[in-house]
């Protein structure tokens, strides 16, 4: 059944799939108590990245640069 549902969802236009993803995310965010806690590895990675940023905030990329890099990789 899952594969059939996904096959149907993939027939949606890109805009409709984006809207669906947003709606699904909003439904998850509306129930934060049901979201699983971070694992120790995830928490450590976040803490490490935050420490790196605090050490060198200039190494961060702005959204425009990130987006440009992604688009250049995608073609």
C-alpha atoms as a PDB file:
ATOM      1  CA  UNK A   1       0.000   0.000   0.000  1.00  0.00           C
ATOM      2  CA  UNK A   2       2.797   2.434   0.863  1.00  0.00           C
ATOM      3  CA  UNK A   3       4.334   2.089  -2.609  1.00  0.00           C
ATOM      4  CA  UNK A   4       0.958   2.713  -4.244  1.00  0.00           C
ATOM      5  CA  UNK A   5       0.404   5.851  -2.171  1.00  0.00           C
ATOM      6  CA  UNK A   6       3.867   7.156  -3.015  1.00  0.00           C
ATOM      7  CA  UNK A   7       3.331   6.415  -6.702  1.00  0.00           C
ATOM      8  CA  UNK A   8       0.142   8.484  -6.611  1.00  0.00           C
ATOM      9  CA  UNK A   9       1.829  11.325  -4.736  1.00  0.00           C
ATOM     10  CA  UNK A  10       4.624  11.427  -7.301  1.00  0.00           C
ATOM     11  CA  UNK A  11       2.000  12.213  -9.937  1.00  0.00           C
ATOM     12  CA  UNK A  12       1.418  15.567  -8.245  1.00  0.00           C
ATOM     13  CA  UNK A  13       3.044  18.633  -9.741  1.00  0.00           C
ATOM     14  CA  UNK A  14       6.239  19.882  -8.092  1.00  0.00           C
ATOM     15  CA  UNK A  15       4.306  22.768  -6.522  1.00  0.00           C
ATOM     16  CA  UNK A  16       1.716  20.366  -5.111  1.00  0.00           C
ATOM     17  CA  UNK A  17       4.425  18.081  -3.707  1.00  0.00           C
ATOM     18  CA  UNK A  18       6.144  21.047  -2.075  1.00  0.00           C
ATOM     19  CA  UNK A  19       2.851  22.119  -0.524  1.00  0.00           C
ATOM     20  CA  UNK A  20       2.259  18.561   0.690  1.00  0.00           C
ATOM     21  CA  UNK A  21       5.730  18.461   2.264  1.00  0.00           C
ATOM     22  CA  UNK A  22       5.027  21.762   4.013  1.00  0.00           C
ATOM     23  CA  UNK A  23       1.660  20.516   5.240  1.00  0.00           C
ATOM     24  CA  UNK A  24       3.197  17.295   6.545  1.00  0.00           C
ATOM     25  CA  UNK A  25       5.987  19.216   8.289  1.00  0.00           C
ATOM     26  CA  UNK A  26       3.453  21.579   9.863  1.00  0.00           C
ATOM     27  CA  UNK A  27       1.480  18.590  11.149  1.00  0.00           C
ATOM     28  CA  UNK A  28       4.625  17.226  12.812  1.00  0.00           C
ATOM     29  CA  UNK A  29       5.566  20.623  14.256  1.00  0.00           C
ATOM     30  CA  UNK A  30       2.069  20.969  15.707  1.00  0.00           C
ATOM     31  CA  UNK A  31       2.731  17.947  17.939  1.00  0.00           C
ATOM     32  CA  UNK A  32       6.276  18.459  19.291  1.00  0.00           C
ATOM     33  CA  UNK A  33       5.689  15.982  22.108  1.00  0.00           C
ATOM     34  CA  UNK A  34       5.443  13.201  19.500  1.00  0.00           C
ATOM     35  CA  UNK A  35       8.758  14.064  17.829  1.00  0.00           C
ATOM     36  CA  UNK A  36      11.516  11.689  18.926  1.00  0.00           C
ATOM     37  CA  UNK A  37      14.338  13.148  20.982  1.00  0.00           C
ATOM     38  CA  UNK A  38      17.748  13.659  19.422  1.00  0.00           C
ATOM     39  CA  UNK A  39      20.171  10.789  19.734  1.00  0.00           C
ATOM     40  CA  UNK A  40      23.439  11.356  21.577  1.00  0.00           C
ATOM     41  CA  UNK A  41      25.268  11.373  18.229  1.00  0.00           C
ATOM     42  CA  UNK A  42      22.917  14.002  16.797  1.00  0.00           C
ATOM     43  CA  UNK A  43      23.239  16.177  19.886  1.00  0.00           C
ATOM     44  CA  UNK A  44      27.043  15.915  19.806  1.00  0.00           C
ATOM     45  CA  UNK A  45      27.129  16.838  16.123  1.00  0.00           C
ATOM     46  CA  UNK A  46      24.971  19.916  16.757  1.00  0.00           C
ATOM     47  CA  UNK A  47      27.120  20.952  19.710  1.00  0.00           C
ATOM     48  CA  UNK A  48      30.306  20.457  17.662  1.00  0.00           C
ATOM     49  CA  UNK A  49      28.966  22.515  14.764  1.00  0.00           C
ATOM     50  CA  UNK A  50      27.806  25.275  17.096  1.00  0.00           C
ATOM     51  CA  UNK A  51      31.244  25.389  18.728  1.00  0.00           C
ATOM     52  CA  UNK A  52      32.862  25.600  15.271  1.00  0.00           C
ATOM     53  CA  UNK A  53      30.569  28.485  14.372  1.00  0.00           C
ATOM     54  CA  UNK A  54      31.296  30.322  17.629  1.00  0.00           C
ATOM     55  CA  UNK A  55      35.031  29.860  16.980  1.00  0.00           C
ATOM     56  CA  UNK A  56      34.801  31.120  13.375  1.00  0.00           C
ATOM     57  CA  UNK A  57      31.461  32.774  12.523  1.00  0.00           C
ATOM     58  CA  UNK A  58      32.928  34.022   9.240  1.00  0.00           C
ATOM     59  CA  UNK A  59      33.050  30.477   7.910  1.00  0.00           C
ATOM     60  CA  UNK A  60      29.255  30.329   7.749  1.00  0.00           C
ATOM     61  CA  UNK A  61      27.599  30.610   4.342  1.00  0.00           C
ATOM     62  CA  UNK A  62      24.588  32.767   3.677  1.00  0.00           C
ATOM     63  CA  UNK A  63      21.509  31.265   2.051  1.00  0.00           C
ATOM     64  CA  UNK A  64      22.249  32.778  -1.359  1.00  0.00           C
ATOM     65  CA  UNK A  65      25.673  31.091  -1.463  1.00  0.00           C
ATOM     66  CA  UNK A  66      24.285  27.749  -0.300  1.00  0.00           C
ATOM     67  CA  UNK A  67      21.530  27.912  -2.880  1.00  0.00           C
ATOM     68  CA  UNK A  68      23.960  28.821  -5.680  1.00  0.00           C
ATOM     69  CA  UNK A  69      26.209  25.884  -4.755  1.00  0.00           C
ATOM     70  CA  UNK A  70      23.267  23.490  -4.739  1.00  0.00           C
ATOM     71  CA  UNK A  71      21.990  24.686  -8.107  1.00  0.00           C
ATOM     72  CA  UNK A  72      25.463  24.415  -9.645  1.00  0.00           C
ATOM     73  CA  UNK A  73      25.673  20.788  -8.487  1.00  0.00           C
ATOM     74  CA  UNK A  74      22.199  19.963  -9.772  1.00  0.00           C
ATOM     75  CA  UNK A  75      22.900  21.292 -13.206  1.00  0.00           C
END
